[in-house]
Amino acid sequence: MKINRAFRFLILAAVLLGTFPRAGYSQEVKYNEYQVKAAFIYNVSSFIEWPEMSPAGGAIPKELCVLGTDPMGPNLESFRGKALRGTELTVTRIGSLKTVRDCRILYVAISEKDHLDDVIEALAGSPVLTISDIEDGARQGVMINFYLEEEMVRFEINIEAMRRAGLNASAKLLKLARIVR
């Protein structure tokens, strides 16, 4: 599978930091679609600025939650326990909209495509970064959405959705994405 410049950059950063799972040391390393997406999900947090999150009497947000049937499987699990902004990454699978606000990053699986409006509504005003690969997800309110173009994994960013949640993406990330308004 071909990988665009943004993913090459993020994967290279992950490999250099020793965070990307490697199958071996062959000269040519090929990554599948979900390995690329998992690496991006892990590394994207360094390009996002969150408002201070100190819930009054509440639990500290889980770093990464997966809503729906998880196509990432072991690809995301390989990052569990790795350092992420000074804490260990947690990967939590959730089955209910009741707990989506307890997450810092929420990957919305394609199995939730018929409920995406409900997910977006449940998160209204919450500083939770939403990531998905649901077709037209960014146009529906997902902040970062993967899509395939000419067998290449690419991503788009809905800046307005990020602003409504109080999140900011770095210029480096925005430069590599297709912007959806």
N, C-alpha and C. Protein backbone atom coordinates (compact mmCIF):
# COMPACT_ATOMS: atom_id res chain seq x y z
N MET A 1 0.85 -1.18 0.00
CA MET A 1 0.00 0.00 0.00
C MET A 1 0.89 1.24 0.00
N LYS A 2 0.57 2.21 -0.84
CA LYS A 2 1.31 3.45 -0.90
C LYS A 2 0.93 4.31 0.29
N ILE A 3 1.88 5.10 0.76
CA ILE A 3 1.64 5.93 1.94
C ILE A 3 1.99 7.37 1.57
N ASN A 4 1.11 8.34 1.87
CA ASN A 4 1.39 9.72 1.51
C ASN A 4 2.44 10.33 2.44
N ARG A 5 2.86 11.56 2.12
CA ARG A 5 3.93 12.23 2.85
C ARG A 5 3.63 12.37 4.33
N ALA A 6 2.41 12.71 4.68
CA ALA A 6 2.05 12.91 6.08
C ALA A 6 2.27 11.63 6.88
N PHE A 7 1.81 10.52 6.33
CA PHE A 7 1.96 9.27 7.05
C PHE A 7 3.42 8.83 7.07
N ARG A 8 4.15 9.10 6.00
CA ARG A 8 5.58 8.77 6.02
C ARG A 8 6.26 9.51 7.16
N PHE A 9 5.93 10.79 7.31
CA PHE A 9 6.50 11.60 8.38
C PHE A 9 6.13 11.03 9.75
N LEU A 10 4.86 10.73 9.95
CA LEU A 10 4.41 10.22 11.24
C LEU A 10 4.98 8.82 11.52
N ILE A 11 5.03 7.98 10.50
CA ILE A 11 5.59 6.64 10.69
C ILE A 11 7.08 6.73 10.97
N LEU A 12 7.78 7.59 10.21
CA LEU A 12 9.21 7.76 10.45
C LEU A 12 9.47 8.23 11.88
N ALA A 13 8.67 9.18 12.33
CA ALA A 13 8.82 9.65 13.72
C ALA A 13 8.59 8.51 14.70
N ALA A 14 7.58 7.70 14.44
CA ALA A 14 7.27 6.57 15.33
C ALA A 14 8.40 5.55 15.32
N VAL A 15 8.93 5.23 14.14
CA VAL A 15 10.00 4.25 14.04
C VAL A 15 11.26 4.77 14.74
N LEU A 16 11.57 6.05 14.51
CA LEU A 16 12.76 6.63 15.14
C LEU A 16 12.64 6.66 16.66
N LEU A 17 11.43 6.82 17.14
CA LEU A 17 11.21 6.83 18.58
C LEU A 17 11.02 5.43 19.14
N GLY A 18 11.04 4.44 18.26
CA GLY A 18 10.90 3.06 18.71
C GLY A 18 9.48 2.70 19.10
N THR A 19 8.51 3.41 18.56
CA THR A 19 7.13 3.18 18.98
C THR A 19 6.32 2.41 17.97
N PHE A 20 6.83 2.19 16.79
CA PHE A 20 6.06 1.50 15.76
C PHE A 20 6.45 0.03 15.74
N PRO A 21 5.49 -0.87 15.74
CA PRO A 21 5.82 -2.28 15.72
C PRO A 21 6.49 -2.67 14.41
N ARG A 22 7.62 -3.35 14.52
CA ARG A 22 8.34 -3.76 13.32
C ARG A 22 8.33 -5.28 13.21
N ALA A 23 8.06 -5.76 12.02
CA ALA A 23 7.98 -7.20 11.81
C ALA A 23 9.36 -7.81 11.63
N GLY A 24 10.34 -7.02 11.31
CA GLY A 24 11.68 -7.53 11.08
C GLY A 24 12.56 -6.40 10.62
N TYR A 25 13.71 -6.73 10.16
CA TYR A 25 14.66 -5.71 9.76
C TYR A 25 14.98 -5.79 8.27
N SER A 26 14.04 -6.19 7.46
CA SER A 26 14.27 -6.26 6.02
C SER A 26 14.42 -4.85 5.47
N GLN A 27 15.01 -4.75 4.31
CA GLN A 27 15.22 -3.44 3.71
C GLN A 27 13.90 -2.78 3.34
N GLU A 28 12.97 -3.55 2.85
CA GLU A 28 11.69 -2.99 2.45
C GLU A 28 10.63 -3.41 3.46
N VAL A 29 10.11 -2.41 4.17
CA VAL A 29 9.08 -2.68 5.16
C VAL A 29 7.75 -2.20 4.59
N LYS A 30 6.76 -3.07 4.58
CA LYS A 30 5.44 -2.71 4.09
C LYS A 30 4.47 -2.72 5.27
N TYR A 31 3.68 -1.67 5.34
CA TYR A 31 2.70 -1.54 6.41
C TYR A 31 1.31 -1.69 5.83
N ASN A 32 0.44 -2.36 6.57
CA ASN A 32 -0.93 -2.45 6.08
C ASN A 32 -1.69 -1.18 6.50
N GLU A 33 -2.86 -1.04 5.95
CA GLU A 33 -3.68 0.16 6.18
C GLU A 33 -3.89 0.44 7.66
N TYR A 34 -4.19 -0.59 8.45
CA TYR A 34 -4.50 -0.36 9.85
C TYR A 34 -3.25 -0.14 10.70
N GLN A 35 -2.10 -0.62 10.29
CA GLN A 35 -0.85 -0.28 10.97
C GLN A 35 -0.57 1.21 10.79
N VAL A 36 -0.77 1.70 9.59
CA VAL A 36 -0.54 3.12 9.31
C VAL A 36 -1.51 3.97 10.12
N LYS A 37 -2.78 3.59 10.12
CA LYS A 37 -3.78 4.37 10.86
C LYS A 37 -3.50 4.33 12.36
N ALA A 38 -3.12 3.19 12.89
CA ALA A 38 -2.81 3.08 14.32
C ALA A 38 -1.62 3.95 14.68
N ALA A 39 -0.58 3.94 13.86
CA ALA A 39 0.60 4.78 14.12
C ALA A 39 0.21 6.25 14.09
N PHE A 40 -0.63 6.62 13.16
CA PHE A 40 -1.08 8.00 13.09
C PHE A 40 -1.87 8.37 14.34
N ILE A 41 -2.81 7.52 14.74
CA ILE A 41 -3.62 7.81 15.92
C ILE A 41 -2.72 8.00 17.14
N TYR A 42 -1.72 7.17 17.28
CA TYR A 42 -0.80 7.30 18.41
C TYR A 42 -0.01 8.61 18.35
N ASN A 43 0.52 8.92 17.19
CA ASN A 43 1.42 10.07 17.06
C ASN A 43 0.72 11.41 16.91
N VAL A 44 -0.55 11.41 16.55
CA VAL A 44 -1.23 12.68 16.28
C VAL A 44 -1.31 13.56 17.52
N SER A 45 -1.30 13.00 18.70
CA SER A 45 -1.46 13.81 19.91
C SER A 45 -0.37 14.85 20.07
N SER A 46 0.81 14.60 19.51
CA SER A 46 1.88 15.58 19.63
C SER A 46 1.64 16.78 18.71
N PHE A 47 0.65 16.70 17.83
CA PHE A 47 0.33 17.80 16.92
C PHE A 47 -0.97 18.50 17.29
N ILE A 48 -1.56 18.11 18.42
CA ILE A 48 -2.84 18.69 18.86
C ILE A 48 -2.63 19.36 20.21
N GLU A 49 -3.26 20.51 20.36
CA GLU A 49 -3.22 21.23 21.63
C GLU A 49 -4.61 21.18 22.24
N TRP A 50 -4.67 20.63 23.46
CA TRP A 50 -5.93 20.53 24.20
C TRP A 50 -6.01 21.65 25.23
N PRO A 51 -7.22 22.08 25.57
CA PRO A 51 -7.34 23.00 26.71
C PRO A 51 -7.02 22.22 27.98
N GLU A 52 -6.72 22.92 29.03
CA GLU A 52 -6.47 22.23 30.29
C GLU A 52 -7.68 21.39 30.67
N MET A 53 -7.42 20.14 31.01
CA MET A 53 -8.52 19.24 31.38
C MET A 53 -8.33 18.82 32.83
N SER A 54 -9.04 19.44 33.71
CA SER A 54 -8.99 19.04 35.11
C SER A 54 -10.41 18.91 35.61
N PRO A 55 -11.02 17.76 35.36
CA PRO A 55 -12.42 17.60 35.74
C PRO A 55 -12.62 17.73 37.25
N ALA A 56 -13.62 18.52 37.61
CA ALA A 56 -13.91 18.73 39.03
C ALA A 56 -14.45 17.44 39.63
N GLY A 57 -13.61 16.79 40.41
CA GLY A 57 -14.04 15.57 41.08
C GLY A 57 -14.19 14.39 40.15
N GLY A 58 -13.91 14.58 38.87
CA GLY A 58 -14.08 13.49 37.90
C GLY A 58 -12.78 12.74 37.66
N ALA A 59 -12.88 11.71 36.88
CA ALA A 59 -11.71 10.91 36.56
C ALA A 59 -10.86 11.61 35.51
N ILE A 60 -9.57 11.33 35.53
CA ILE A 60 -8.69 11.84 34.49
C ILE A 60 -9.08 11.14 33.19
N PRO A 61 -9.15 11.88 32.10
CA PRO A 61 -9.60 11.26 30.85
C PRO A 61 -8.70 10.10 30.41
N LYS A 62 -9.32 9.08 29.87
CA LYS A 62 -8.58 7.99 29.26
C LYS A 62 -7.92 8.57 28.02
N GLU A 63 -6.75 8.12 27.69
CA GLU A 63 -6.07 8.70 26.54
C GLU A 63 -6.73 8.34 25.22
N LEU A 64 -6.99 7.06 24.98
CA LEU A 64 -7.51 6.63 23.70
C LEU A 64 -8.66 5.65 23.91
N CYS A 65 -9.78 5.98 23.32
CA CYS A 65 -10.94 5.09 23.39
C CYS A 65 -11.32 4.68 21.97
N VAL A 66 -11.86 3.49 21.85
CA VAL A 66 -12.34 2.98 20.58
C VAL A 66 -13.82 2.68 20.76
N LEU A 67 -14.63 3.29 19.91
CA LEU A 67 -16.07 3.06 19.95
C LEU A 67 -16.46 2.22 18.75
N GLY A 68 -17.09 1.09 19.00
CA GLY A 68 -17.55 0.22 17.93
C GLY A 68 -16.64 -0.97 17.71
N THR A 69 -16.91 -1.70 16.66
CA THR A 69 -16.12 -2.89 16.32
C THR A 69 -14.76 -2.44 15.82
N ASP A 70 -13.73 -2.81 16.52
CA ASP A 70 -12.38 -2.29 16.31
C ASP A 70 -11.63 -3.00 15.19
N PRO A 71 -11.42 -2.34 14.05
CA PRO A 71 -10.66 -2.97 12.98
C PRO A 71 -9.15 -2.88 13.21
N MET A 72 -8.73 -2.06 14.17
CA MET A 72 -7.30 -1.86 14.43
C MET A 72 -6.70 -3.05 15.17
N GLY A 73 -7.47 -3.62 16.09
CA GLY A 73 -7.03 -4.78 16.86
C GLY A 73 -5.65 -4.63 17.45
N PRO A 74 -4.75 -5.57 17.15
CA PRO A 74 -3.42 -5.55 17.76
C PRO A 74 -2.58 -4.37 17.33
N ASN A 75 -2.94 -3.70 16.26
CA ASN A 75 -2.15 -2.55 15.82
C ASN A 75 -2.20 -1.42 16.84
N LEU A 76 -3.36 -1.16 17.43
CA LEU A 76 -3.45 -0.16 18.50
C LEU A 76 -2.88 -0.71 19.81
N GLU A 77 -3.13 -1.97 20.06
CA GLU A 77 -2.65 -2.58 21.31
C GLU A 77 -1.13 -2.48 21.44
N SER A 78 -0.43 -2.47 20.32
CA SER A 78 1.04 -2.42 20.38
C SER A 78 1.53 -1.11 21.00
N PHE A 79 0.67 -0.10 21.09
CA PHE A 79 1.06 1.18 21.68
C PHE A 79 0.66 1.29 23.16
N ARG A 80 -0.11 0.34 23.66
CA ARG A 80 -0.55 0.38 25.06
C ARG A 80 0.67 0.45 25.98
N GLY A 81 0.63 1.38 26.92
CA GLY A 81 1.71 1.52 27.88
C GLY A 81 2.85 2.40 27.41
N LYS A 82 2.88 2.77 26.15
CA LYS A 82 3.91 3.67 25.64
C LYS A 82 3.67 5.07 26.20
N ALA A 83 4.70 5.84 26.29
CA ALA A 83 4.58 7.20 26.80
C ALA A 83 3.81 8.06 25.81
N LEU A 84 2.88 8.81 26.33
CA LEU A 84 2.08 9.72 25.53
C LEU A 84 1.85 10.97 26.36
N ARG A 85 2.50 12.06 26.00
CA ARG A 85 2.42 13.32 26.74
C ARG A 85 2.67 13.12 28.24
N GLY A 86 3.68 12.34 28.57
CA GLY A 86 4.07 12.18 29.96
C GLY A 86 3.31 11.12 30.73
N THR A 87 2.35 10.47 30.12
CA THR A 87 1.63 9.40 30.80
C THR A 87 1.65 8.16 29.91
N GLU A 88 1.30 7.04 30.49
CA GLU A 88 1.23 5.82 29.71
C GLU A 88 -0.08 5.79 28.94
N LEU A 89 0.00 5.40 27.68
CA LEU A 89 -1.18 5.32 26.85
C LEU A 89 -2.10 4.21 27.34
N THR A 90 -3.34 4.55 27.47
CA THR A 90 -4.36 3.54 27.75
C THR A 90 -5.19 3.39 26.48
N VAL A 91 -5.59 2.18 26.19
CA VAL A 91 -6.49 1.91 25.07
C VAL A 91 -7.71 1.24 25.65
N THR A 92 -8.85 1.90 25.55
CA THR A 92 -10.07 1.41 26.15
C THR A 92 -11.14 1.27 25.08
N ARG A 93 -11.74 0.12 25.02
CA ARG A 93 -12.84 -0.09 24.10
C ARG A 93 -14.14 0.20 24.85
N ILE A 94 -14.96 1.04 24.24
CA ILE A 94 -16.21 1.41 24.89
C ILE A 94 -17.37 1.01 23.98
N GLY A 95 -18.50 0.72 24.58
CA GLY A 95 -19.65 0.27 23.80
C GLY A 95 -20.84 1.18 23.96
N SER A 96 -20.63 2.32 24.61
CA SER A 96 -21.76 3.19 24.91
C SER A 96 -21.35 4.65 24.75
N LEU A 97 -22.31 5.45 24.34
CA LEU A 97 -22.05 6.89 24.23
C LEU A 97 -21.94 7.56 25.60
N LYS A 98 -22.35 6.85 26.65
CA LYS A 98 -22.32 7.42 28.00
C LYS A 98 -20.91 7.77 28.45
N THR A 99 -19.90 7.10 27.91
CA THR A 99 -18.54 7.30 28.39
C THR A 99 -17.62 8.00 27.38
N VAL A 100 -18.14 8.47 26.26
CA VAL A 100 -17.26 9.08 25.25
C VAL A 100 -16.59 10.36 25.74
N ARG A 101 -17.22 11.08 26.66
CA ARG A 101 -16.61 12.30 27.19
C ARG A 101 -15.45 12.02 28.15
N ASP A 102 -15.27 10.76 28.50
CA ASP A 102 -14.17 10.38 29.40
C ASP A 102 -12.87 10.13 28.64
N CYS A 103 -12.87 10.38 27.35
CA CYS A 103 -11.72 10.09 26.50
C CYS A 103 -11.01 11.37 26.09
N ARG A 104 -9.74 11.26 25.77
CA ARG A 104 -9.00 12.37 25.20
C ARG A 104 -9.04 12.26 23.67
N ILE A 105 -8.85 11.03 23.16
CA ILE A 105 -8.94 10.73 21.73
C ILE A 105 -9.96 9.62 21.57
N LEU A 106 -10.90 9.80 20.65
CA LEU A 106 -11.93 8.80 20.40
C LEU A 106 -11.85 8.37 18.94
N TYR A 107 -11.50 7.09 18.74
CA TYR A 107 -11.56 6.52 17.39
C TYR A 107 -12.96 5.94 17.23
N VAL A 108 -13.68 6.43 16.22
CA VAL A 108 -15.03 5.97 15.95
C VAL A 108 -14.93 4.98 14.79
N ALA A 109 -15.15 3.72 15.08
CA ALA A 109 -15.04 2.67 14.07
C ALA A 109 -16.15 2.78 13.04
N ILE A 110 -15.88 2.23 11.88
CA ILE A 110 -16.84 2.28 10.77
C ILE A 110 -18.17 1.61 11.13
N SER A 111 -18.14 0.71 12.10
CA SER A 111 -19.38 0.05 12.53
C SER A 111 -20.37 1.05 13.12
N GLU A 112 -19.92 2.25 13.45
CA GLU A 112 -20.78 3.27 14.06
C GLU A 112 -21.28 4.30 13.05
N LYS A 113 -21.11 4.02 11.75
CA LYS A 113 -21.47 4.99 10.72
C LYS A 113 -22.93 5.43 10.79
N ASP A 114 -23.82 4.53 11.17
CA ASP A 114 -25.24 4.89 11.26
C ASP A 114 -25.56 5.68 12.53
N HIS A 115 -24.60 5.76 13.44
CA HIS A 115 -24.81 6.47 14.71
C HIS A 115 -23.86 7.66 14.86
N LEU A 116 -23.19 8.03 13.77
CA LEU A 116 -22.18 9.09 13.86
C LEU A 116 -22.76 10.41 14.35
N ASP A 117 -23.96 10.77 13.90
CA ASP A 117 -24.59 12.01 14.37
C ASP A 117 -24.79 11.97 15.88
N ASP A 118 -25.16 10.82 16.41
CA ASP A 118 -25.35 10.68 17.86
C ASP A 118 -24.03 10.84 18.60
N VAL A 119 -22.95 10.31 18.04
CA VAL A 119 -21.62 10.44 18.65
C VAL A 119 -21.22 11.90 18.69
N ILE A 120 -21.35 12.58 17.56
CA ILE A 120 -20.97 14.00 17.47
C ILE A 120 -21.80 14.82 18.45
N GLU A 121 -23.08 14.53 18.54
CA GLU A 121 -23.96 15.25 19.47
C GLU A 121 -23.57 14.98 20.93
N ALA A 122 -23.23 13.74 21.25
CA ALA A 122 -22.84 13.38 22.62
C ALA A 122 -21.55 14.09 23.05
N LEU A 123 -20.72 14.45 22.09
CA LEU A 123 -19.43 15.09 22.39
C LEU A 123 -19.48 16.61 22.28
N ALA A 124 -20.61 17.18 21.93
CA ALA A 124 -20.72 18.62 21.69
C ALA A 124 -20.06 19.42 22.82
N GLY A 125 -19.09 20.24 22.43
CA GLY A 125 -18.41 21.10 23.39
C GLY A 125 -17.34 20.42 24.22
N SER A 126 -17.13 19.14 24.05
CA SER A 126 -16.12 18.41 24.82
C SER A 126 -14.78 18.44 24.09
N PRO A 127 -13.68 18.58 24.81
CA PRO A 127 -12.36 18.58 24.18
C PRO A 127 -11.86 17.16 23.89
N VAL A 128 -12.63 16.43 23.11
CA VAL A 128 -12.29 15.06 22.74
C VAL A 128 -11.99 15.05 21.25
N LEU A 129 -10.80 14.64 20.89
CA LEU A 129 -10.41 14.55 19.48
C LEU A 129 -11.04 13.32 18.86
N THR A 130 -11.85 13.53 17.83
CA THR A 130 -12.49 12.40 17.15
C THR A 130 -11.71 12.05 15.89
N ILE A 131 -11.50 10.76 15.71
CA ILE A 131 -10.79 10.23 14.54
C ILE A 131 -11.61 9.07 14.01
N SER A 132 -11.72 8.99 12.69
CA SER A 132 -12.48 7.90 12.09
C SER A 132 -12.02 7.63 10.68
N ASP A 133 -12.60 6.61 10.09
CA ASP A 133 -12.40 6.35 8.66
C ASP A 133 -13.76 6.06 8.01
N ILE A 134 -14.78 6.69 8.57
CA ILE A 134 -16.12 6.59 8.02
C ILE A 134 -16.20 7.51 6.80
N GLU A 135 -16.75 7.00 5.71
CA GLU A 135 -16.85 7.80 4.49
C GLU A 135 -17.56 9.12 4.79
N ASP A 136 -16.97 10.23 4.38
CA ASP A 136 -17.48 11.59 4.62
C ASP A 136 -17.58 11.93 6.10
N GLY A 137 -16.81 11.25 6.93
CA GLY A 137 -16.84 11.50 8.37
C GLY A 137 -16.51 12.94 8.74
N ALA A 138 -15.52 13.53 8.08
CA ALA A 138 -15.14 14.90 8.40
C ALA A 138 -16.28 15.87 8.08
N ARG A 139 -16.96 15.64 7.00
CA ARG A 139 -18.09 16.51 6.64
C ARG A 139 -19.24 16.37 7.64
N GLN A 140 -19.29 15.23 8.32
CA GLN A 140 -20.34 15.00 9.31
C GLN A 140 -19.94 15.47 10.70
N GLY A 141 -18.68 15.89 10.88
CA GLY A 141 -18.27 16.43 12.18
C GLY A 141 -17.10 15.73 12.84
N VAL A 142 -16.57 14.65 12.25
CA VAL A 142 -15.36 14.02 12.80
C VAL A 142 -14.20 14.97 12.56
N MET A 143 -13.31 15.11 13.51
CA MET A 143 -12.22 16.08 13.40
C MET A 143 -11.11 15.63 12.45
N ILE A 144 -10.71 14.37 12.56
CA ILE A 144 -9.70 13.82 11.65
C ILE A 144 -10.27 12.55 11.05
N ASN A 145 -10.29 12.49 9.74
CA ASN A 145 -10.89 11.35 9.07
C ASN A 145 -9.94 10.79 8.03
N PHE A 146 -9.76 9.46 8.06
CA PHE A 146 -8.93 8.78 7.07
C PHE A 146 -9.76 8.49 5.82
N TYR A 147 -9.08 8.50 4.69
CA TYR A 147 -9.71 8.05 3.45
C TYR A 147 -8.62 7.47 2.56
N LEU A 148 -9.04 6.66 1.61
CA LEU A 148 -8.10 6.07 0.66
C LEU A 148 -8.24 6.80 -0.67
N GLU A 149 -7.10 7.09 -1.25
CA GLU A 149 -7.08 7.73 -2.56
C GLU A 149 -5.93 7.12 -3.35
N GLU A 150 -6.26 6.50 -4.45
CA GLU A 150 -5.26 5.82 -5.28
C GLU A 150 -4.42 4.86 -4.44
N GLU A 151 -5.08 4.06 -3.62
CA GLU A 151 -4.46 3.07 -2.75
C GLU A 151 -3.54 3.68 -1.70
N MET A 152 -3.73 4.95 -1.43
CA MET A 152 -2.93 5.63 -0.41
C MET A 152 -3.83 6.06 0.74
N VAL A 153 -3.36 5.86 1.96
CA VAL A 153 -4.09 6.33 3.14
C VAL A 153 -3.79 7.82 3.28
N ARG A 154 -4.85 8.58 3.35
CA ARG A 154 -4.73 10.03 3.51
C ARG A 154 -5.65 10.45 4.65
N PHE A 155 -5.55 11.71 5.04
CA PHE A 155 -6.45 12.18 6.08
C PHE A 155 -6.91 13.60 5.78
N GLU A 156 -8.08 13.89 6.36
CA GLU A 156 -8.66 15.21 6.24
C GLU A 156 -9.00 15.70 7.64
N ILE A 157 -9.02 17.02 7.77
CA ILE A 157 -9.28 17.63 9.08
C ILE A 157 -10.43 18.61 8.96
N ASN A 158 -11.37 18.50 9.89
CA ASN A 158 -12.47 19.44 10.00
C ASN A 158 -12.08 20.45 11.07
N ILE A 159 -11.56 21.59 10.62
CA ILE A 159 -11.05 22.61 11.54
C ILE A 159 -12.16 23.19 12.41
N GLU A 160 -13.31 23.40 11.83
CA GLU A 160 -14.43 23.97 12.61
C GLU A 160 -14.83 23.05 13.75
N ALA A 161 -14.89 21.75 13.50
CA ALA A 161 -15.22 20.81 14.57
C ALA A 161 -14.17 20.86 15.67
N MET A 162 -12.90 20.99 15.29
CA MET A 162 -11.84 21.09 16.30
C MET A 162 -11.99 22.36 17.12
N ARG A 163 -12.25 23.46 16.47
CA ARG A 163 -12.41 24.74 17.18
C ARG A 163 -13.57 24.70 18.16
N ARG A 164 -14.68 24.11 17.72
CA ARG A 164 -15.85 24.01 18.61
C ARG A 164 -15.52 23.21 19.87
N ALA A 165 -14.58 22.28 19.76
CA ALA A 165 -14.19 21.46 20.91
C ALA A 165 -13.04 22.10 21.70
N GLY A 166 -12.54 23.23 21.24
CA GLY A 166 -11.45 23.91 21.94
C GLY A 166 -10.08 23.30 21.64
N LEU A 167 -9.96 22.56 20.53
CA LEU A 167 -8.70 21.93 20.15
C LEU A 167 -8.04 22.71 19.02
N ASN A 168 -6.72 22.65 18.98
CA ASN A 168 -5.97 23.28 17.90
C ASN A 168 -5.00 22.27 17.32
N ALA A 169 -4.91 22.24 16.00
CA ALA A 169 -3.95 21.38 15.31
C ALA A 169 -2.76 22.24 14.89
N SER A 170 -1.57 21.66 14.96
CA SER A 170 -0.37 22.40 14.57
C SER A 170 -0.40 22.68 13.07
N ALA A 171 0.32 23.70 12.68
CA ALA A 171 0.41 24.06 11.27
C ALA A 171 1.03 22.92 10.46
N LYS A 172 1.95 22.18 11.06
CA LYS A 172 2.58 21.06 10.36
C LYS A 172 1.54 20.01 9.97
N LEU A 173 0.65 19.71 10.89
CA LEU A 173 -0.39 18.72 10.62
C LEU A 173 -1.38 19.24 9.58
N LEU A 174 -1.78 20.49 9.72
CA LEU A 174 -2.73 21.08 8.79
C LEU A 174 -2.17 21.13 7.37
N LYS A 175 -0.90 21.35 7.28
CA LYS A 175 -0.24 21.45 5.97
C LYS A 175 -0.31 20.12 5.21
N LEU A 176 -0.37 19.02 5.93
CA LEU A 176 -0.36 17.70 5.31
C LEU A 176 -1.75 17.14 5.05
N ALA A 177 -2.76 17.83 5.55
CA ALA A 177 -4.14 17.31 5.47
C ALA A 177 -4.96 18.03 4.40
N ARG A 178 -6.03 17.37 4.01
CA ARG A 178 -7.06 18.03 3.22
C ARG A 178 -8.00 18.67 4.23
N ILE A 179 -8.26 19.95 4.07
CA ILE A 179 -9.10 20.68 5.02
C ILE A 179 -10.56 20.61 4.58
N VAL A 180 -11.42 20.25 5.53
CA VAL A 180 -12.86 20.16 5.28
C VAL A 180 -13.53 21.17 6.18
N ARG A 181 -14.42 21.95 5.60
CA ARG A 181 -15.13 22.96 6.40
C ARG A 181 -16.60 22.63 6.46
